[in-house]
C-alpha atoms as a PDB file:
ATOM      1  CA  MET A   1      -8.563  32.316  10.518  1.00  0.00           C
ATOM      2  CA  GLU A   2     -11.946  30.687  10.584  1.00  0.00           C
ATOM      3  CA  LYS A   3     -13.557  29.688  13.845  1.00  0.00           C
ATOM      4  CA  ASP A   4     -12.670  26.178  15.066  1.00  0.00           C
ATOM      5  CA  TRP A   5      -9.322  26.023  13.226  1.00  0.00           C
ATOM      6  CA  VAL A   6      -6.038  25.568  15.092  1.00  0.00           C
ATOM      7  CA  CYS A   7      -2.382  25.962  14.199  1.00  0.00           C
ATOM      8  CA  VAL A   8      -0.644  22.579  14.296  1.00  0.00           C
ATOM      9  CA  PHE A   9       2.720  23.478  12.789  1.00  0.00           C
ATOM     10  CA  HIS A  10       4.901  26.509  12.125  1.00  0.00           C
ATOM     11  CA  SER A  11       8.304  26.972  10.564  1.00  0.00           C
ATOM     12  CA  GLU A  12      10.482  29.676   9.095  1.00  0.00           C
ATOM     13  CA  GLN A  13      11.412  27.258   6.305  1.00  0.00           C
ATOM     14  CA  GLY A  14       9.047  27.044   3.341  1.00  0.00           C
ATOM     15  CA  PHE A  15      10.107  23.525   2.462  1.00  0.00           C
ATOM     16  CA  GLN A  16       9.111  22.255   5.934  1.00  0.00           C
ATOM     17  CA  ALA A  17       5.665  23.820   5.627  1.00  0.00           C
ATOM     18  CA  GLU A  18       5.265  22.235   2.185  1.00  0.00           C
ATOM     19  CA  ILE A  19       6.241  18.804   3.572  1.00  0.00           C
ATOM     20  CA  ALA A  20       3.734  19.256   6.418  1.00  0.00           C
ATOM     21  CA  ARG A  21       0.991  20.218   3.967  1.00  0.00           C
ATOM     22  CA  GLU A  22       1.690  17.162   1.796  1.00  0.00           C
ATOM     23  CA  ILE A  23       1.675  14.809   4.800  1.00  0.00           C
ATOM     24  CA  LEU A  24      -1.718  16.106   5.912  1.00  0.00           C
ATOM     25  CA  GLU A  25      -3.244  16.093   2.443  1.00  0.00           C
ATOM     26  CA  ASN A  26      -2.035  12.501   1.887  1.00  0.00           C
ATOM     27  CA  GLU A  27      -4.088  11.583   4.968  1.00  0.00           C
ATOM     28  CA  GLU A  28      -7.071  13.545   3.567  1.00  0.00           C
ATOM     29  CA  ILE A  29      -6.830  16.259   6.216  1.00  0.00           C
ATOM     30  CA  ASN A  30      -7.718  19.658   4.792  1.00  0.00           C
ATOM     31  CA  CYS A  31      -5.243  22.320   5.821  1.00  0.00           C
ATOM     32  CA  VAL A  32      -4.401  25.934   5.157  1.00  0.00           C
ATOM     33  CA  VAL A  33      -0.902  27.376   4.924  1.00  0.00           C
ATOM     34  CA  LEU A  34      -0.632  30.930   6.225  1.00  0.00           C
ATOM     35  CA  ASN A  35       2.404  32.941   5.242  1.00  0.00           C
ATOM     36  CA  GLU A  36       3.232  35.195   8.173  1.00  0.00           C
ATOM     37  CA  HIS A  37       6.495  36.465   6.677  1.00  0.00           C
ATOM     38  CA  ASP A  38       7.025  40.199   6.925  1.00  0.00           C
ATOM     39  CA  SER A  39       6.485  41.854   3.530  1.00  0.00           C
ATOM     40  CA  THR A  40       9.500  44.141   4.020  1.00  0.00           C
ATOM     41  CA  PHE A  41      11.827  41.506   5.469  1.00  0.00           C
ATOM     42  CA  PRO A  42      10.773  38.081   4.104  1.00  0.00           C
ATOM     43  CA  SER A  43      13.312  36.324   6.310  1.00  0.00           C
ATOM     44  CA  ILE A  44      11.302  37.371   9.379  1.00  0.00           C
ATOM     45  CA  GLY A  45       8.194  35.379  10.261  1.00  0.00           C
ATOM     46  CA  ASP A  46       6.761  31.907  10.018  1.00  0.00           C
ATOM     47  CA  LEU A  47       4.637  29.791   7.756  1.00  0.00           C
ATOM     48  CA  GLU A  48       1.785  28.221   9.707  1.00  0.00           C
ATOM     49  CA  ILE A  49      -0.299  25.118   9.010  1.00  0.00           C
ATOM     50  CA  TRP A  50      -3.896  25.274  10.257  1.00  0.00           C
ATOM     51  CA  VAL A  51      -6.450  22.450  10.434  1.00  0.00           C
ATOM     52  CA  HIS A  52      -9.994  22.145  11.738  1.00  0.00           C
ATOM     53  CA  GLN A  53      -9.977  21.343  15.442  1.00  0.00           C
ATOM     54  CA  ASP A  54     -11.571  17.937  14.749  1.00  0.00           C
ATOM     55  CA  PHE A  55      -8.262  16.885  13.131  1.00  0.00           C
ATOM     56  CA  GLU A  56      -5.875  18.560  15.574  1.00  0.00           C
ATOM     57  CA  VAL A  57      -4.771  15.404  17.410  1.00  0.00           C
ATOM     58  CA  LYS A  58      -4.263  13.351  14.249  1.00  0.00           C
ATOM     59  CA  ALA A  59      -2.454  16.206  12.472  1.00  0.00           C
ATOM     60  CA  THR A  60      -0.185  16.822  15.453  1.00  0.00           C
ATOM     61  CA  GLU A  61       0.673  13.118  15.608  1.00  0.00           C
ATOM     62  CA  LEU A  62       1.442  13.014  11.869  1.00  0.00           C
ATOM     63  CA  LEU A  63       3.676  16.090  12.074  1.00  0.00           C
ATOM     64  CA  LYS A  64       5.487  15.309  15.336  1.00  0.00           C
ATOM     65  CA  ASP A  65       8.702  14.292  13.563  1.00  0.00           C
ATOM     66  CA  LEU A  66       8.854  17.598  11.663  1.00  0.00           C
ATOM     67  CA  ILE A  67       8.656  19.662  14.818  1.00  0.00           C
ATOM     68  CA  LEU A  68      12.150  20.432  16.045  1.00  0.00           C
END
């Protein structure tokens, strides 16, 4: 990942990562979704949402209800 970007959310469930992405984009926060699922066993691994560190606090606040 690029310098100055931080992971603000991770989930094994694709739908949760998609909801997180939409929440951030609706607030005009650019984000990147990284698929860390194992290529051999797709059920193993997480999807991660990364944002620039300048938006970390706001993104974390927006996503707090998705984090279990």
